[in-house]
Amino acid sequence: MFFKQIIGQENIKERLRKQAETGIVPHAQLLTGSNGSGTFGLALAYARYLNCSNPANGDACGRCPSCLKYDELAHPDLHFIFPIVSRKEKKKEICDDYLSEWRTLLKNNPYFGQDDWLEEIEAGNSQPIIYAKESDEIIRKLSLRIYEARYRVLLVWLPEKMHLACANKLLKVIEEPPANTVILLVSEEPQTILGTILSRTQRIDVGAIDDNALKQALIKEGLSQEDAQQITHLAAGNWSKALQSISLNEEEGMFLEYFKQMMRCSWQRNVKGMQELGAQLTGLGRERQKSFLSYCQHLIRENFVYRFNAKELNYMNGAEESFAKNFAPYVNEKNVFSLIEVLSEAEYHIERNVNGRMVFFDLCLQITVLIRQ
């Protein structure tokens, strides 16, 4: 990953470049933001730039021995830590056991998210975590001598997924880092990271991509000015959402159909339909169930705003807007907050491994009451 491949975020790129050029490189930095804003890409491009032998024009050269190894994500002084699903039967218990899948994902989709990673490793219903066993690997890797780089880089994706024992070991490393070691944490939920780690890192908040930069990137993808402008509005600074909006992806289309089914069953008080829907949603796996419930909260908000006829405030694609024409009147001042609250509560229960059928059936019953207010 190069800085030039990251859409927008020019201020943050310049900040990272200056650190490398002046040699004032913090030993622990935390980049926060959504996957669609380019947080991981920024961290990886920064790591490459730190170790490039001949940087020029604000970016790594791409030709030196270090860059060639970064191209393959196989530099001996670049170490990755990320959430995994332990599979003892396949002897996959630490991050290094998943390096092949990890490199494939990074090369194919630098703006990847957690769902993309879970699909890559075929996690099923399992929830990923950075296990306690990984802490020993971190200590081992950082105790080795630096092979050839100026800086040894430890890149931790989603540190909020760390087991407490692993987080405490990382804290000790951050407090007393080995010489010429840079630890880069990339987080989507920094508020859930161990407080003592947060207080010892230099934080960089990566915001939404600038609209103009996003629009120009879409035009390079072959879109017309008009289409690029519309998708830029829908994406709200998120490149992943922009790509999904170019052609409604299968999962989002499926979520919309499930949302329609949920609202219709609830309105009709169709108990059998609610039970069948609960069974279908349970088969998605917990991470996708959570994604669906998050999507539902988004649609409730958009349907509420749709009633005010303010297109600039709405972020729905054509299929969603078509449904909103009839559904929006049922989301009003009396029930909008309660609807979002019950959906959020259902997402919380799914995260805590409550039985999916029970969660979705109860949710539909609650919506039955709220949708008629």
Protein backbone atom coordinates (compact mmCIF):
# COMPACT_ATOMS: atom_id res chain seq x y z
CA MET A 1 0.00 0.00 0.00
CA PHE A 2 1.30 3.45 -0.96
CA PHE A 3 0.08 6.86 0.23
CA LYS A 4 -0.96 7.62 -3.37
CA GLN A 5 -3.36 4.65 -3.33
CA ILE A 6 -5.29 6.03 -0.37
CA ILE A 7 -8.23 8.23 -1.32
CA GLY A 8 -8.10 11.69 0.27
CA GLN A 9 -6.85 12.05 3.87
CA GLU A 10 -4.12 14.46 2.69
CA ASN A 11 -3.66 16.13 6.10
CA ILE A 12 -3.03 12.81 7.83
CA LYS A 13 -0.66 11.67 5.07
CA GLU A 14 1.35 14.86 5.50
CA ARG A 15 1.46 14.43 9.26
CA LEU A 16 2.79 10.87 8.92
CA ARG A 17 5.34 11.91 6.29
CA LYS A 18 6.73 14.64 8.54
CA GLN A 19 7.18 12.16 11.37
CA ALA A 20 9.22 9.89 9.12
CA GLU A 21 11.26 12.69 7.56
CA THR A 22 12.14 14.39 10.85
CA GLY A 23 12.83 11.11 12.63
CA ILE A 24 10.39 12.05 15.40
CA VAL A 25 8.42 8.80 15.22
CA PRO A 26 6.12 7.96 18.17
CA HIS A 27 6.65 4.38 19.28
CA ALA A 28 2.89 3.73 19.62
CA GLN A 29 0.14 5.31 17.52
CA LEU A 30 -3.57 4.61 17.35
CA LEU A 31 -5.42 5.26 14.08
CA THR A 32 -9.18 5.27 14.55
CA GLY A 33 -11.99 5.34 12.02
CA SER A 34 -14.13 3.12 9.80
CA ASN A 35 -12.55 0.69 7.35
CA GLY A 36 -14.05 2.74 4.51
CA SER A 37 -12.06 5.82 5.48
CA GLY A 38 -8.70 4.13 4.87
CA THR A 39 -7.33 3.70 8.40
CA PHE A 40 -5.57 0.38 7.79
CA GLY A 41 -4.22 1.52 4.43
CA LEU A 42 -2.74 4.62 6.05
CA ALA A 43 -1.00 2.53 8.70
CA LEU A 44 0.45 0.14 6.11
CA ALA A 45 1.55 2.94 3.76
CA TYR A 46 3.20 4.69 6.72
CA ALA A 47 5.07 1.51 7.68
CA ARG A 48 6.32 1.18 4.09
CA TYR A 49 7.37 4.84 3.97
CA LEU A 50 9.29 4.54 7.27
CA ASN A 51 11.45 1.77 5.85
CA CYS A 52 11.77 2.84 2.22
CA SER A 53 15.41 3.43 1.18
CA ASN A 54 14.62 6.08 -1.45
CA PRO A 55 11.34 7.92 -0.72
CA ALA A 56 10.48 10.62 -3.23
CA ASN A 57 7.59 12.97 -3.99
CA GLY A 58 5.91 12.21 -0.68
CA ASP A 59 5.77 8.44 -1.13
CA ALA A 60 7.81 5.25 -0.99
CA CYS A 61 9.84 4.45 -4.10
CA GLY A 62 8.37 0.99 -4.78
CA ARG A 63 11.71 -0.30 -6.08
CA CYS A 64 14.05 -0.72 -3.10
CA PRO A 65 14.44 -4.13 -1.38
CA SER A 66 12.18 -3.03 1.48
CA CYS A 67 9.36 -1.91 -0.86
CA LEU A 68 9.56 -5.12 -2.87
CA LYS A 69 9.06 -7.13 0.32
CA TYR A 70 6.21 -4.84 1.39
CA ASP A 71 4.59 -5.56 -1.98
CA GLU A 72 4.33 -9.19 -0.91
CA LEU A 73 3.51 -8.27 2.72
CA ALA A 74 6.44 -10.48 3.65
CA HIS A 75 9.01 -8.10 5.12
CA PRO A 76 10.79 -9.87 8.02
CA ASP A 77 10.45 -6.75 10.21
CA LEU A 78 6.73 -6.25 9.56
CA HIS A 79 4.46 -8.18 11.95
CA PHE A 80 0.66 -8.38 11.86
CA ILE A 81 -1.72 -9.04 14.74
CA PHE A 82 -5.44 -9.45 13.98
CA PRO A 83 -8.55 -11.25 15.33
CA ILE A 84 -8.84 -14.92 14.41
CA VAL A 85 -11.00 -17.95 15.05
CA SER A 86 -9.09 -20.71 16.85
CA ARG A 87 -9.29 -24.08 15.09
CA LYS A 88 -7.30 -26.71 16.90
CA GLU A 89 -8.32 -29.43 14.45
CA LYS A 90 -6.61 -27.43 11.68
CA LYS A 91 -3.77 -26.31 13.95
CA LYS A 92 -4.73 -22.66 13.56
CA GLU A 93 -4.34 -20.98 16.94
CA ILE A 94 -2.31 -17.80 16.31
CA CYS A 95 -2.28 -15.04 13.70
CA ASP A 96 0.69 -16.43 11.81
CA ASP A 97 -1.38 -19.53 11.02
CA TYR A 98 -3.70 -17.28 8.98
CA LEU A 99 -1.03 -15.25 7.16
CA SER A 100 -1.87 -16.73 3.75
CA GLU A 101 -5.55 -15.71 4.01
CA TRP A 102 -4.55 -12.35 5.52
CA ARG A 103 -2.21 -11.47 2.65
CA THR A 104 -4.80 -12.51 0.08
CA LEU A 105 -7.42 -10.24 1.63
CA LEU A 106 -5.08 -7.25 1.89
CA LYS A 107 -3.97 -7.54 -1.72
CA ASN A 108 -7.53 -7.89 -3.03
CA ASN A 109 -9.26 -5.31 -0.84
CA PRO A 110 -7.20 -2.76 1.13
CA TYR A 111 -10.47 -1.18 2.37
CA PHE A 112 -11.62 -4.46 3.90
CA GLY A 113 -13.80 -4.73 7.02
CA GLN A 114 -14.45 -7.32 9.68
CA ASP A 115 -17.16 -9.07 7.64
CA ASP A 116 -14.76 -9.43 4.71
CA TRP A 117 -12.17 -11.03 6.99
CA LEU A 118 -14.67 -13.45 8.53
CA GLU A 119 -15.78 -14.52 5.08
CA GLU A 120 -12.17 -15.01 4.00
CA ILE A 121 -11.44 -17.39 6.89
CA GLU A 122 -14.90 -19.04 6.78
CA ALA A 123 -15.55 -18.20 10.43
CA GLY A 124 -19.23 -19.20 10.37
CA ASN A 125 -20.91 -18.38 13.71
CA SER A 126 -17.62 -17.95 15.55
CA GLN A 127 -16.66 -14.50 16.74
CA PRO A 128 -13.03 -13.48 16.14
CA ILE A 129 -10.69 -12.55 18.96
CA ILE A 130 -7.00 -11.89 19.51
CA TYR A 131 -6.35 -14.74 21.92
CA ALA A 132 -4.23 -14.68 25.06
CA LYS A 133 -1.80 -17.07 23.35
CA GLU A 134 -0.96 -14.30 20.88
CA SER A 135 0.70 -12.29 23.66
CA ASP A 136 3.58 -14.78 23.75
CA GLU A 137 3.99 -14.38 20.00
CA ILE A 138 4.13 -10.59 20.36
CA ILE A 139 6.86 -10.83 22.99
CA ARG A 140 8.78 -13.34 20.87
CA LYS A 141 8.63 -11.26 17.69
CA LEU A 142 9.70 -8.07 19.41
CA SER A 143 12.54 -9.78 21.24
CA LEU A 144 14.19 -10.78 17.96
CA ARG A 145 16.85 -8.54 16.46
CA ILE A 146 15.82 -6.28 13.60
CA TYR A 147 16.85 -8.00 10.39
CA GLU A 148 17.29 -5.19 7.88
CA ALA A 149 14.76 -2.40 8.41
CA ARG A 150 15.17 1.02 9.94
CA TYR A 151 12.08 0.35 12.05
CA ARG A 152 10.46 -2.88 13.11
CA VAL A 153 6.68 -2.44 12.77
CA LEU A 154 3.97 -4.25 14.73
CA LEU A 155 0.60 -3.54 13.05
CA VAL A 156 -2.38 -4.48 15.22
CA TRP A 157 -5.78 -4.49 13.50
CA LEU A 158 -8.81 -4.18 15.81
CA PRO A 159 -7.01 -4.09 19.19
CA GLU A 160 -10.47 -3.86 20.79
CA LYS A 161 -10.78 -7.59 20.07
CA MET A 162 -7.85 -8.43 22.32
CA HIS A 163 -8.20 -10.86 25.20
CA LEU A 164 -7.41 -9.04 28.45
CA ALA A 165 -4.24 -11.08 29.02
CA CYS A 166 -2.99 -10.18 25.55
CA ALA A 167 -3.86 -6.51 26.04
CA ASN A 168 -1.90 -6.40 29.29
CA LYS A 169 1.17 -7.92 27.60
CA LEU A 170 0.89 -5.34 24.80
CA LEU A 171 0.65 -2.60 27.42
CA LYS A 172 3.98 -3.68 28.90
CA VAL A 173 5.58 -3.57 25.46
CA ILE A 174 4.18 -0.08 24.83
CA GLU A 175 5.50 1.10 28.21
CA GLU A 176 8.99 -0.27 27.53
CA PRO A 177 9.30 -0.71 23.75
CA PRO A 178 12.39 -2.27 22.17
CA ALA A 179 14.62 0.14 20.26
CA ASN A 180 13.45 1.22 16.79
CA THR A 181 10.08 -0.48 17.21
CA VAL A 182 6.88 1.19 16.01
CA ILE A 183 3.51 -0.15 17.16
CA LEU A 184 0.54 0.88 14.99
CA LEU A 185 -2.95 0.13 16.29
CA VAL A 186 -5.89 0.39 13.88
CA SER A 187 -9.26 0.54 15.63
CA GLU A 188 -12.92 0.98 14.77
CA GLU A 189 -14.11 1.10 18.41
CA PRO A 190 -11.36 2.84 20.42
CA GLN A 191 -13.70 3.38 23.37
CA THR A 192 -13.55 -0.36 24.11
CA ILE A 193 -9.74 -0.57 24.20
CA LEU A 194 -8.01 -0.94 27.57
CA GLY A 195 -7.78 2.58 29.02
CA THR A 196 -4.12 2.21 30.00
CA ILE A 197 -3.25 1.41 26.38
CA LEU A 198 -5.20 4.40 25.09
CA SER A 199 -3.38 6.75 27.43
CA ARG A 200 0.02 5.58 26.16
CA THR A 201 -0.60 5.95 22.44
CA GLN A 202 -0.63 8.96 20.17
CA ARG A 203 -4.10 9.02 18.66
CA ILE A 204 -4.96 9.96 15.08
CA ASP A 205 -8.67 10.19 14.25
CA VAL A 206 -9.26 9.38 10.59
CA GLY A 207 -12.46 11.05 9.48
CA ALA A 208 -14.65 10.57 6.44
CA ILE A 209 -13.05 10.97 3.02
CA ASP A 210 -13.44 14.42 1.49
CA ASP A 211 -16.37 14.48 -0.97
CA ASN A 212 -14.30 15.86 -3.84
CA ALA A 213 -11.59 13.22 -3.42
CA LEU A 214 -14.23 10.48 -3.27
CA LYS A 215 -15.98 11.82 -6.35
CA GLN A 216 -12.74 11.96 -8.36
CA ALA A 217 -11.91 8.38 -7.33
CA LEU A 218 -15.33 7.23 -8.56
CA ILE A 219 -14.85 9.01 -11.87
CA LYS A 220 -11.55 7.12 -12.25
CA GLU A 221 -13.59 3.95 -11.79
CA GLY A 222 -15.48 4.90 -14.95
CA LEU A 223 -18.57 6.63 -13.52
CA SER A 224 -20.10 9.74 -15.06
CA GLN A 225 -19.97 13.05 -13.22
CA GLU A 226 -23.65 12.77 -12.30
CA ASP A 227 -23.46 9.18 -11.05
CA ALA A 228 -20.27 9.90 -9.14
CA GLN A 229 -21.95 12.87 -7.44
CA GLN A 230 -24.96 10.78 -6.38
CA ILE A 231 -22.87 7.91 -5.01
CA THR A 232 -20.57 10.35 -3.19
CA HIS A 233 -23.62 11.65 -1.35
CA LEU A 234 -24.82 8.15 -0.47
CA ALA A 235 -21.37 6.99 0.67
CA ALA A 236 -20.89 9.86 3.15
CA GLY A 237 -17.09 9.68 2.94
CA ASN A 238 -16.84 5.88 3.05
CA TRP A 239 -15.13 4.20 0.07
CA SER A 240 -16.49 0.76 0.96
CA LYS A 241 -20.05 2.10 0.88
CA ALA A 242 -19.31 3.86 -2.40
CA LEU A 243 -18.24 0.60 -4.03
CA GLN A 244 -21.32 -1.14 -2.65
CA SER A 245 -23.54 1.60 -4.04
CA ILE A 246 -22.13 1.29 -7.56
CA SER A 247 -24.10 -1.92 -7.80
CA LEU A 248 -26.23 -2.91 -4.82
CA ASN A 249 -24.27 -5.81 -3.40
CA GLU A 250 -25.96 -9.12 -2.69
CA GLU A 251 -25.76 -8.87 1.09
CA GLU A 252 -27.28 -5.38 1.27
CA GLY A 253 -30.03 -6.45 -1.12
CA MET A 254 -30.70 -9.48 1.08
CA PHE A 255 -30.79 -7.29 4.20
CA LEU A 256 -33.35 -5.00 2.55
CA GLU A 257 -35.59 -7.97 1.75
CA TYR A 258 -35.32 -9.24 5.33
CA PHE A 259 -36.14 -5.74 6.61
CA LYS A 260 -39.24 -5.61 4.42
CA GLN A 261 -40.28 -9.06 5.60
CA MET A 262 -39.79 -8.11 9.26
CA MET A 263 -41.88 -4.93 8.96
CA ARG A 264 -44.67 -6.64 7.03
CA CYS A 265 -44.90 -9.60 9.43
CA SER A 266 -44.96 -7.20 12.38
CA TRP A 267 -47.64 -4.98 10.82
CA GLN A 268 -49.80 -7.98 9.89
CA ARG A 269 -49.21 -9.66 13.29
CA ASN A 270 -48.13 -12.72 11.35
CA VAL A 271 -46.71 -14.89 14.16
CA LYS A 272 -45.87 -17.81 11.87
CA GLY A 273 -44.06 -15.42 9.52
CA MET A 274 -42.10 -13.96 12.45
CA GLN A 275 -40.98 -17.44 13.49
CA GLU A 276 -39.93 -18.34 9.94
CA LEU A 277 -38.02 -15.07 9.61
CA GLY A 278 -36.25 -15.72 12.92
CA ALA A 279 -35.13 -19.13 11.64
CA GLN A 280 -33.80 -17.60 8.40
CA LEU A 281 -31.89 -14.84 10.22
CA THR A 282 -30.43 -17.30 12.72
CA GLY A 283 -28.85 -19.15 9.81
CA LEU A 284 -26.82 -16.07 8.84
CA GLY A 285 -24.29 -16.40 11.66
CA ARG A 286 -23.84 -13.94 14.51
CA GLU A 287 -21.63 -11.37 12.80
CA ARG A 288 -24.00 -11.04 9.85
CA GLN A 289 -26.97 -10.90 12.23
CA LYS A 290 -25.31 -7.93 13.94
CA SER A 291 -24.67 -6.33 10.55
CA PHE A 292 -28.32 -6.81 9.62
CA LEU A 293 -29.55 -5.17 12.83
CA SER A 294 -27.17 -2.27 12.29
CA TYR A 295 -28.55 -1.94 8.75
CA CYS A 296 -32.11 -1.91 10.14
CA GLN A 297 -31.24 0.98 12.46
CA HIS A 298 -29.83 2.86 9.48
CA LEU A 299 -33.04 2.33 7.47
CA ILE A 300 -35.27 3.45 10.34
CA ARG A 301 -33.30 6.68 10.59
CA GLU A 302 -33.45 7.21 6.80
CA ASN A 303 -37.20 6.54 6.63
CA PHE A 304 -37.81 9.04 9.40
CA VAL A 305 -35.78 11.73 7.59
CA TYR A 306 -37.44 10.85 4.26
CA ARG A 307 -40.71 12.31 5.54
CA PHE A 308 -39.17 15.80 5.57
CA ASN A 309 -38.52 15.79 1.80
CA ALA A 310 -34.88 16.86 2.29
CA LYS A 311 -32.94 14.82 -0.24
CA GLU A 312 -29.60 16.19 0.91
CA LEU A 313 -30.17 14.57 4.32
CA ASN A 314 -31.10 11.16 2.97
CA TYR A 315 -28.65 8.34 2.30
CA MET A 316 -30.65 5.60 0.57
CA ASN A 317 -30.13 3.83 -2.72
CA GLY A 318 -32.91 3.46 -5.31
CA ALA A 319 -34.32 0.19 -3.96
CA GLU A 320 -34.41 1.51 -0.39
CA GLU A 321 -36.04 4.77 -1.45
CA SER A 322 -38.68 2.88 -3.45
CA PHE A 323 -39.70 1.00 -0.29
CA ALA A 324 -39.57 4.21 1.79
CA LYS A 325 -42.28 5.85 -0.31
CA ASN A 326 -44.86 3.59 1.34
CA PHE A 327 -43.10 2.70 4.59
CA ALA A 328 -41.83 6.11 5.76
CA PRO A 329 -45.23 7.31 7.15
CA TYR A 330 -45.07 4.50 9.73
CA VAL A 331 -41.83 5.87 11.23
CA ASN A 332 -42.66 9.02 13.14
CA GLU A 333 -41.90 11.13 16.21
CA LYS A 334 -43.82 8.72 18.46
CA ASN A 335 -41.87 5.58 17.64
CA VAL A 336 -38.58 6.36 15.88
CA PHE A 337 -36.43 6.37 19.02
CA SER A 338 -38.13 3.29 20.43
CA LEU A 339 -37.66 1.39 17.16
CA ILE A 340 -33.94 2.16 17.09
CA GLU A 341 -33.68 1.26 20.77
CA VAL A 342 -35.23 -2.22 20.37
CA LEU A 343 -33.06 -2.90 17.31
CA SER A 344 -29.95 -1.81 19.21
CA GLU A 345 -30.94 -3.98 22.17
CA ALA A 346 -31.39 -6.98 19.86
CA GLU A 347 -27.91 -6.36 18.42
CA TYR A 348 -26.51 -6.31 21.97
CA HIS A 349 -28.20 -9.63 22.79
CA ILE A 350 -26.87 -11.25 19.61
CA GLU A 351 -23.38 -10.09 20.54
CA ARG A 352 -23.85 -11.76 23.95
CA ASN A 353 -24.74 -15.07 22.26
CA VAL A 354 -28.44 -15.07 23.15
CA ASN A 355 -30.45 -17.54 21.02
CA GLY A 356 -31.11 -15.88 17.65
CA ARG A 357 -34.62 -17.27 17.18
CA MET A 358 -35.71 -15.87 20.53
CA VAL A 359 -34.09 -12.49 19.87
CA PHE A 360 -35.69 -11.97 16.45
CA PHE A 361 -39.12 -13.28 17.44
CA ASP A 362 -39.18 -10.97 20.46
CA LEU A 363 -37.97 -8.09 18.28
CA CYS A 364 -40.82 -8.61 15.81
CA LEU A 365 -43.37 -8.64 18.66
CA GLN A 366 -42.02 -5.32 19.95
CA ILE A 367 -42.09 -3.80 16.47
CA THR A 368 -45.74 -4.96 16.14
CA VAL A 369 -46.66 -2.58 18.94
CA LEU A 370 -44.38 0.29 17.95
CA ILE A 371 -45.18 0.39 14.23
CA ARG A 372 -48.85 1.19 14.96
CA GLN A 373 -48.10 4.26 17.07
